[in-house]
Protein backbone atom coordinates (compact mmCIF):
# COMPACT_ATOMS: atom_id res chain seq x y z
CA MET A 1 113.45 129.99 134.96
CA THR A 2 113.12 133.27 136.81
CA THR A 3 113.05 136.73 135.44
CA GLN A 4 114.10 139.96 137.04
CA THR A 5 111.44 142.32 137.99
CA ARG A 6 111.81 146.10 138.54
CA SER A 7 109.85 148.11 141.03
CA PRO A 8 107.40 150.65 139.76
CA ALA A 9 109.50 153.49 141.50
CA ALA A 10 112.62 152.34 139.35
CA SER A 11 110.55 152.40 136.22
CA TYR A 12 109.27 155.81 137.10
CA VAL A 13 112.89 157.19 137.54
CA SER A 14 114.07 155.66 134.38
CA ILE A 15 111.09 157.06 132.37
CA ALA A 16 111.58 160.62 134.03
CA SER A 17 115.33 160.45 133.32
CA ALA A 18 114.78 159.44 129.71
CA GLY A 19 112.16 162.43 129.29
CA ALA A 20 114.51 164.97 130.96
CA LEU A 21 117.27 163.84 128.77
CA PHE A 22 115.10 164.09 125.61
CA ALA A 23 113.87 167.58 126.70
CA PHE A 24 117.38 168.83 127.49
CA GLY A 25 118.50 167.61 124.04
CA ALA A 26 115.53 169.11 122.28
CA TRP A 27 116.19 172.34 123.96
CA ALA A 28 119.92 172.32 123.14
CA ALA A 29 119.14 171.61 119.57
CA SER A 30 116.61 174.33 119.23
CA SER A 31 118.68 176.98 120.83
CA GLY A 32 121.78 176.33 119.02
CA LEU A 33 123.63 175.19 122.09
CA LEU A 34 124.15 171.64 120.68
CA ASP A 35 125.79 173.01 117.63
CA THR A 36 128.14 175.11 119.59
CA ILE A 37 129.10 172.38 121.79
CA LEU A 38 129.77 170.10 118.78
CA SER A 39 132.13 172.80 117.45
CA TYR A 40 134.49 171.51 120.14
CA ARG A 41 134.18 167.77 119.15
CA GLY A 42 137.87 167.45 118.07
CA ASP A 43 138.91 168.77 121.58
CA ILE A 44 136.32 166.63 123.29
CA VAL A 45 137.47 163.39 121.54
CA TYR A 46 141.13 164.07 122.22
CA LEU A 47 140.65 165.17 125.91
CA ALA A 48 138.23 162.36 126.71
CA GLY A 49 140.86 159.99 125.57
CA GLN A 50 143.31 161.52 128.11
CA HIS A 51 140.48 161.44 130.70
CA LEU A 52 140.00 157.72 130.28
CA VAL A 53 143.70 156.95 130.39
CA LEU A 54 143.93 158.77 133.81
CA VAL A 55 140.89 156.97 135.08
CA ALA A 56 142.11 153.65 133.87
CA TYR A 57 145.62 153.93 135.21
CA SER A 58 144.60 155.22 138.64
CA SER A 59 141.66 152.69 138.93
CA ALA A 60 143.79 149.78 137.88
CA ILE A 61 146.44 150.88 140.51
CA ALA A 62 143.77 151.42 143.21
CA ALA A 63 142.33 148.01 142.59
CA ALA A 64 145.78 146.32 142.37
CA ILE A 65 146.58 147.71 145.92
CA GLY A 66 142.91 147.84 147.49
CA LEU A 67 141.87 144.39 146.77
CA PRO A 68 144.93 142.48 148.14
CA LEU A 69 144.93 145.02 151.14
CA GLY A 70 141.15 144.33 151.78
CA ILE A 71 141.70 140.68 151.78
CA ALA A 72 144.74 141.00 153.99
CA LEU A 73 142.95 143.10 156.58
CA THR A 74 140.33 140.35 157.01
CA ARG A 75 143.04 137.69 157.85
CA LYS A 76 144.34 137.06 161.35
CA PRO A 77 147.63 139.05 161.23
CA LEU A 78 146.00 142.26 160.26
CA ALA A 79 142.36 141.83 161.27
CA HIS A 80 142.88 143.40 164.63
CA HIS A 81 144.40 146.52 162.93
CA ALA A 82 141.93 146.97 160.22
CA ASP A 83 140.19 149.93 161.68
CA ALA A 84 143.34 151.80 162.19
CA ILE A 85 144.71 151.07 158.78
CA THR A 86 141.38 152.09 157.09
CA GLN A 87 141.42 155.29 158.99
CA VAL A 88 144.77 155.98 157.45
CA ILE A 89 143.57 155.24 154.04
CA ASN A 90 140.49 157.45 154.70
CA LEU A 91 142.80 160.33 155.02
CA GLY A 92 142.80 160.33 151.10
CA THR A 93 139.29 161.27 151.14
CA THR A 94 139.15 163.42 154.09
CA ILE A 95 141.92 165.72 152.73
CA PRO A 96 140.48 167.92 149.90
CA THR A 97 141.34 166.53 146.50
CA LEU A 98 143.04 169.70 145.44
CA ALA A 99 145.33 169.53 148.40
CA VAL A 100 146.19 165.85 147.44
CA LEU A 101 147.06 166.90 144.00
CA ALA A 102 149.15 169.73 145.17
CA LEU A 103 151.10 167.50 147.56
CA ALA A 104 151.69 165.04 144.71
CA MET A 105 152.75 167.79 142.30
CA SER A 106 155.33 168.89 144.92
CA PHE A 107 156.91 165.50 144.75
CA LEU A 108 156.13 164.32 141.26
CA GLY A 109 156.05 167.59 139.43
CA ILE A 110 153.45 168.77 137.02
CA GLY A 111 151.71 166.26 134.65
CA ALA A 112 149.97 162.95 134.54
CA PRO A 113 151.94 161.20 137.26
CA SER A 114 150.69 163.51 139.89
CA ALA A 115 147.13 163.36 138.66
CA VAL A 116 147.17 159.51 138.60
CA PHE A 117 148.68 159.56 142.15
CA GLY A 118 145.89 161.88 143.48
CA LEU A 119 142.96 159.98 141.85
CA THR A 120 144.56 156.49 142.97
CA VAL A 121 144.44 157.92 146.51
CA LEU A 122 140.88 158.95 146.16
CA THR A 123 139.70 155.76 144.57
CA LEU A 124 141.36 153.46 147.19
CA LEU A 125 139.09 153.77 150.10
CA PRO A 126 135.73 152.33 148.48
CA ILE A 127 137.52 149.37 147.11
CA VAL A 128 139.16 148.55 150.43
CA LEU A 129 136.24 149.03 152.56
CA ASN A 130 133.87 146.95 150.25
CA THR A 131 136.41 144.14 150.08
CA ILE A 132 136.53 143.94 153.88
CA SER A 133 132.71 144.16 154.11
CA GLY A 134 132.04 141.62 151.43
CA LEU A 135 134.42 138.95 153.00
CA ASN A 136 133.00 139.65 156.44
CA MET A 137 129.59 139.24 155.30
CA VAL A 138 130.23 135.67 154.03
CA PRO A 139 128.15 133.24 156.20
CA ARG A 140 130.49 131.68 158.70
CA HIS A 141 128.81 128.19 158.38
CA LEU A 142 130.04 128.18 154.85
CA VAL A 143 133.62 128.73 155.97
CA GLU A 144 133.22 126.13 158.59
CA ALA A 145 131.80 123.63 156.21
CA ALA A 146 134.70 124.13 153.89
CA THR A 147 137.14 123.72 156.81
CA GLY A 148 135.46 120.55 157.69
CA MET A 149 135.97 119.30 154.00
CA GLY A 150 139.72 119.75 154.49
CA MET A 151 140.18 122.87 152.42
CA THR A 152 143.29 125.03 153.00
CA GLU A 153 142.84 128.75 153.92
CA THR A 154 143.74 129.77 150.26
CA GLN A 155 141.20 127.31 148.82
CA ILE A 156 138.54 128.66 151.08
CA LEU A 157 139.30 132.15 150.09
CA LEU A 158 139.18 131.52 146.40
CA ARG A 159 136.34 128.92 146.27
CA VAL A 160 134.24 130.03 149.16
CA GLU A 161 134.77 133.53 150.39
CA LEU A 162 135.52 135.52 147.15
CA PRO A 163 132.70 134.08 145.01
CA ASN A 164 130.30 135.01 147.82
CA ALA A 165 131.78 138.49 148.35
CA LEU A 166 132.22 139.33 144.79
CA PHE A 167 128.94 141.23 144.36
CA VAL A 168 129.93 143.76 147.26
CA ILE A 169 133.47 144.05 146.07
CA LEU A 170 132.28 144.88 142.57
CA ALA A 171 129.84 147.49 144.26
CA GLY A 172 132.92 149.23 145.73
CA LEU A 173 134.81 149.15 142.45
CA ARG A 174 131.66 150.66 140.81
CA THR A 175 131.44 153.61 143.26
CA ALA A 176 135.15 154.03 143.06
CA ILE A 177 135.33 154.28 139.29
CA ALA A 178 132.18 156.66 139.13
CA ILE A 179 133.91 158.98 141.71
CA ASN A 180 137.12 158.69 139.84
CA VAL A 181 135.60 159.70 136.56
CA GLY A 182 133.83 162.67 138.10
CA THR A 183 136.94 163.83 139.88
CA ALA A 184 139.51 163.40 137.02
CA PRO A 185 138.63 166.98 135.62
CA LEU A 186 140.75 168.32 138.47
CA ALA A 187 143.79 166.78 136.84
CA PHE A 188 143.92 169.69 134.52
CA LEU A 189 144.77 171.84 137.46
CA VAL A 190 148.16 169.93 137.69
CA GLY A 191 148.90 169.63 134.03
CA GLY A 192 147.35 166.19 133.72
CA GLY A 193 145.10 167.02 130.86
CA GLY A 194 141.48 165.54 130.45
CA LEU A 195 138.15 167.11 130.09
CA GLY A 196 138.79 169.52 132.86
CA GLU A 197 140.66 171.52 130.38
CA LEU A 198 137.30 172.43 128.74
CA ILE A 199 135.43 172.88 132.07
CA PHE A 200 138.02 175.24 133.66
CA THR A 201 138.95 177.08 130.55
CA GLY A 202 135.11 177.74 130.04
CA ILE A 203 134.82 179.03 133.58
CA ASP A 204 137.74 181.32 133.15
CA LEU A 205 136.45 182.65 129.77
CA MET A 206 132.80 182.68 131.13
CA ASP A 207 132.02 180.50 128.06
CA SER A 208 129.11 178.28 128.99
CA SER A 209 129.18 176.18 125.79
CA MET A 210 132.86 175.33 126.38
CA LEU A 211 132.20 174.50 129.96
CA LEU A 212 129.30 172.13 128.95
CA ALA A 213 131.50 170.59 126.27
CA GLY A 214 133.63 169.28 128.91
CA ALA A 215 131.01 168.73 131.73
CA ILE A 216 128.46 166.79 129.62
CA PRO A 217 131.02 164.11 128.30
CA THR A 218 132.39 163.76 131.84
CA ALA A 219 128.92 163.00 133.13
CA ILE A 220 128.27 160.59 130.19
CA LEU A 221 131.50 158.75 130.82
CA ALA A 222 130.49 158.41 134.61
CA ILE A 223 127.13 156.94 133.68
CA ILE A 224 128.59 154.47 131.02
CA ALA A 225 131.20 153.30 133.56
CA ASP A 226 128.50 152.77 136.25
CA PHE A 227 126.35 150.93 133.75
CA ALA A 228 129.21 148.65 132.50
CA ILE A 229 130.25 147.63 135.98
CA GLY A 230 126.50 147.06 136.93
CA GLN A 231 126.14 144.83 134.02
CA CYS A 232 129.21 142.83 135.13
CA GLN A 233 127.58 142.56 138.52
CA PHE A 234 124.49 141.22 136.88
CA TRP A 235 125.90 138.85 134.40
CA LEU A 236 129.20 137.64 135.97
CA ILE A 237 128.03 136.76 139.34
CA PRO A 238 126.07 133.40 139.42
CA LYS A 239 122.49 133.42 140.56
CA GLY A 240 123.05 131.62 143.77
CA VAL A 241 125.11 134.48 145.12
CA ASN A 242 123.70 137.37 143.05
CA PRO A 243 120.89 139.28 144.83
CA LEU A 244 119.93 140.92 141.40
CA ARG A 245 119.13 137.48 139.67
């Protein structure tokens, strides 16, 4: 039986992060800032729900498009055009997010659909790139052995390539969702709701407590999403193909 070991550097970072979080909490409580932020708890709960809905829809759509597209770009018909297609997808991250949202608003109007479209475009690239990278990193001798055993291309993909590429694919999904959660506050600018309402209203009113009431929950949601997918990477992927176990 093997156990997972952590490097001293990782332990120091964890301890420092916990200490910084505790110090910030103590300072916020003593200064009265915590009570001020908690006065917005009703708004925080409601807007966090909107925030999560935007992230869930856009991430699901991006995964539904990005995973099959990434797989298709490693197959013979499209493999030679993979670089060109990924460059087109990369436009979603090259163009400023606000510009993407503005273009979406021009066609879809004000509201959640424009926000979901913009967040989907932003989230798509890491999923596609990591799917391609994960499948291309599968050792060729495993594919050749499966071919020699008489497996079809579909069987090789499902039983050999995807299980070995799953760790890298989930890493891309982990990055994409963390980016999505952190960018979703911009949805407020196109009428999509979310925690951006507190952040941008706080900026307009020069109210730091309102700003923090939106920014802190956004950061917490991003950390929780990253941690949750990290746990999926650790526990769902078997030891033989999991570098963390």
